[in-house]
C-alpha atoms as a PDB file:
ATOM      1  CA  MET A   1      17.724   7.989  -1.199  1.00  0.00           C
ATOM      2  CA  LYS A   2      15.726  10.521  -2.838  1.00  0.00           C
ATOM      3  CA  VAL A   3      13.651   9.196  -5.401  1.00  0.00           C
ATOM      4  CA  LEU A   4      12.044  10.876  -8.509  1.00  0.00           C
ATOM      5  CA  PHE A   5       9.548   9.292 -11.638  1.00  0.00           C
ATOM      6  CA  HIS A   6       9.666   9.914 -14.820  1.00  0.00           C
ATOM      7  CA  SER A   7       6.449  10.287 -16.359  1.00  0.00           C
ATOM      8  CA  HIS A   8       7.048   7.044 -18.543  1.00  0.00           C
ATOM      9  CA  PHE A   9       7.334   5.162 -15.222  1.00  0.00           C
ATOM     10  CA  ILE A  10       4.075   7.003 -13.653  1.00  0.00           C
ATOM     11  CA  LYS A  11       2.222   5.813 -17.132  1.00  0.00           C
ATOM     12  CA  LYS A  12       3.465   2.231 -16.943  1.00  0.00           C
ATOM     13  CA  TYR A  13       2.616   2.323 -12.999  1.00  0.00           C
ATOM     14  CA  SER A  14      -0.389   3.243 -13.379  1.00  0.00           C
ATOM     15  CA  LYS A  15      -1.722   0.365 -15.708  1.00  0.00           C
ATOM     16  CA  LEU A  16      -0.334  -2.353 -13.053  1.00  0.00           C
ATOM     17  CA  SER A  17      -2.931  -4.169 -11.078  1.00  0.00           C
ATOM     18  CA  LYS A  18      -4.303  -2.706  -7.771  1.00  0.00           C
ATOM     19  CA  ASP A  19      -2.415  -5.617  -5.956  1.00  0.00           C
ATOM     20  CA  ILE A  20       0.883  -5.205  -7.787  1.00  0.00           C
ATOM     21  CA  ARG A  21       1.426  -1.527  -7.608  1.00  0.00           C
ATOM     22  CA  ALA A  22       0.670  -2.130  -3.453  1.00  0.00           C
ATOM     23  CA  LYS A  23       3.810  -4.217  -3.927  1.00  0.00           C
ATOM     24  CA  ALA A  24       5.534  -1.819  -6.078  1.00  0.00           C
ATOM     25  CA  ASP A  25       4.865   1.036  -3.342  1.00  0.00           C
ATOM     26  CA  GLU A  26       6.460  -1.307  -0.696  1.00  0.00           C
ATOM     27  CA  ARG A  27       9.356  -2.024  -2.025  1.00  0.00           C
ATOM     28  CA  LEU A  28       9.888   1.657  -3.342  1.00  0.00           C
ATOM     29  CA  PHE A  29       9.510   2.743   0.185  1.00  0.00           C
ATOM     30  CA  LEU A  30      11.960   0.089   1.015  1.00  0.00           C
ATOM     31  CA  PHE A  31      14.313   1.513  -1.559  1.00  0.00           C
ATOM     32  CA  GLU A  32      14.017   4.794  -0.372  1.00  0.00           C
ATOM     33  CA  THR A  33      14.687   3.969   3.023  1.00  0.00           C
ATOM     34  CA  ASP A  34      17.351   0.987   2.787  1.00  0.00           C
ATOM     35  CA  THR A  35      18.973   0.832  -0.892  1.00  0.00           C
ATOM     36  CA  LYS A  36      20.918  -1.878   0.152  1.00  0.00           C
ATOM     37  CA  ASN A  37      18.220  -4.049   1.661  1.00  0.00           C
ATOM     38  CA  PRO A  38      18.999  -7.571  -0.151  1.00  0.00           C
ATOM     39  CA  ILE A  39      15.668  -8.159  -0.976  1.00  0.00           C
ATOM     40  CA  LEU A  40      15.792  -5.567  -3.554  1.00  0.00           C
ATOM     41  CA  ASN A  41      18.297  -7.203  -5.220  1.00  0.00           C
ATOM     42  CA  VAL A  42      19.842  -3.983  -6.711  1.00  0.00           C
ATOM     43  CA  HIS A  43      22.085  -4.353  -9.778  1.00  0.00           C
ATOM     44  CA  GLN A  44      23.476  -2.541 -12.731  1.00  0.00           C
ATOM     45  CA  LEU A  45      22.348  -3.182 -15.934  1.00  0.00           C
ATOM     46  CA  GLY A  46      24.038  -3.474 -19.124  1.00  0.00           C
ATOM     47  CA  GLY A  47      23.152  -3.440 -22.920  1.00  0.00           C
ATOM     48  CA  VAL A  48      20.631  -1.098 -23.829  1.00  0.00           C
ATOM     49  CA  TRP A  49      19.956  -0.140 -20.531  1.00  0.00           C
ATOM     50  CA  LYS A  50      23.624   0.645 -19.562  1.00  0.00           C
ATOM     51  CA  ASP A  51      23.911   3.275 -16.781  1.00  0.00           C
ATOM     52  CA  HIS A  52      21.008   2.005 -15.568  1.00  0.00           C
ATOM     53  CA  TRP A  53      20.050  -0.456 -12.105  1.00  0.00           C
ATOM     54  CA  SER A  54      16.979  -2.406 -11.602  1.00  0.00           C
ATOM     55  CA  ILE A  55      15.460  -3.442  -8.602  1.00  0.00           C
ATOM     56  CA  ASN A  56      12.948  -6.740  -8.097  1.00  0.00           C
ATOM     57  CA  ILE A  57       9.072  -5.742  -7.590  1.00  0.00           C
ATOM     58  CA  THR A  58       8.151  -9.377  -7.589  1.00  0.00           C
ATOM     59  CA  GLY A  59       9.409 -12.330  -8.940  1.00  0.00           C
ATOM     60  CA  ASP A  60       9.373 -11.098 -12.800  1.00  0.00           C
ATOM     61  CA  LEU A  61       8.417  -7.187 -12.665  1.00  0.00           C
ATOM     62  CA  ARG A  62      11.541  -4.797 -12.384  1.00  0.00           C
ATOM     63  CA  ALA A  63      11.678  -1.415 -11.756  1.00  0.00           C
ATOM     64  CA  VAL A  64      14.533   0.650 -13.664  1.00  0.00           C
ATOM     65  CA  PHE A  65      16.153   3.727 -12.323  1.00  0.00           C
ATOM     66  CA  LYS A  66      19.084   5.816 -13.139  1.00  0.00           C
ATOM     67  CA  PHE A  67      21.150   8.142 -10.867  1.00  0.00           C
ATOM     68  CA  VAL A  68      20.393  11.707 -11.012  1.00  0.00           C
ATOM     69  CA  THR A  69      23.067  12.490  -8.313  1.00  0.00           C
ATOM     70  CA  LYS A  70      25.129  10.534  -5.577  1.00  0.00           C
ATOM     71  CA  ASP A  71      21.866  10.850  -3.417  1.00  0.00           C
ATOM     72  CA  MET A  72      19.168  10.557  -5.932  1.00  0.00           C
ATOM     73  CA  VAL A  73      17.274   8.656  -8.651  1.00  0.00           C
ATOM     74  CA  GLN A  74      14.791   8.627 -11.294  1.00  0.00           C
ATOM     75  CA  PHE A  75      12.780   5.504 -11.985  1.00  0.00           C
ATOM     76  CA  VAL A  76      12.244   5.369 -15.761  1.00  0.00           C
ATOM     77  CA  GLU A  77      10.499   1.863 -16.404  1.00  0.00           C
ATOM     78  CA  VAL A  78       8.831  -0.891 -14.772  1.00  0.00           C
ATOM     79  CA  ASP A  79       7.870  -4.185 -16.671  1.00  0.00           C
ATOM     80  CA  ASN A  80       8.338  -7.589 -16.814  1.00  0.00           C
ATOM     81  CA  HIS A  81      11.994  -9.097 -16.952  1.00  0.00           C
ATOM     82  CA  ASN A  82      11.273 -10.331 -20.556  1.00  0.00           C
ATOM     83  CA  ASN A  83      10.261  -7.217 -21.761  1.00  0.00           C
ATOM     84  CA  LEU A  84      13.166  -5.555 -20.637  1.00  0.00           C
ATOM     85  CA  TYR A  85      15.679  -7.611 -21.166  1.00  0.00           C
ATOM     86  CA  LYS A  86      14.731  -8.995 -24.786  1.00  0.00           C
END
């Protein structure tokens, strides 16, 4: 899977702690190599995030993406569960 990052995602990612960025890097690499890995909990979203999908970074942190093509996604947001789905 080809992965792109929106400038908003990059800005929010850069504000994460070093430890959380390392965990995010692990999960994003896993996503690129094995999008169906159950640890990612890939799932489609609804509401304001209709047409977007999410993966778990930590117990509370999520990364939100959308499909650009069937083989390419763009990550657009990274935040905790409560901030994303309020």
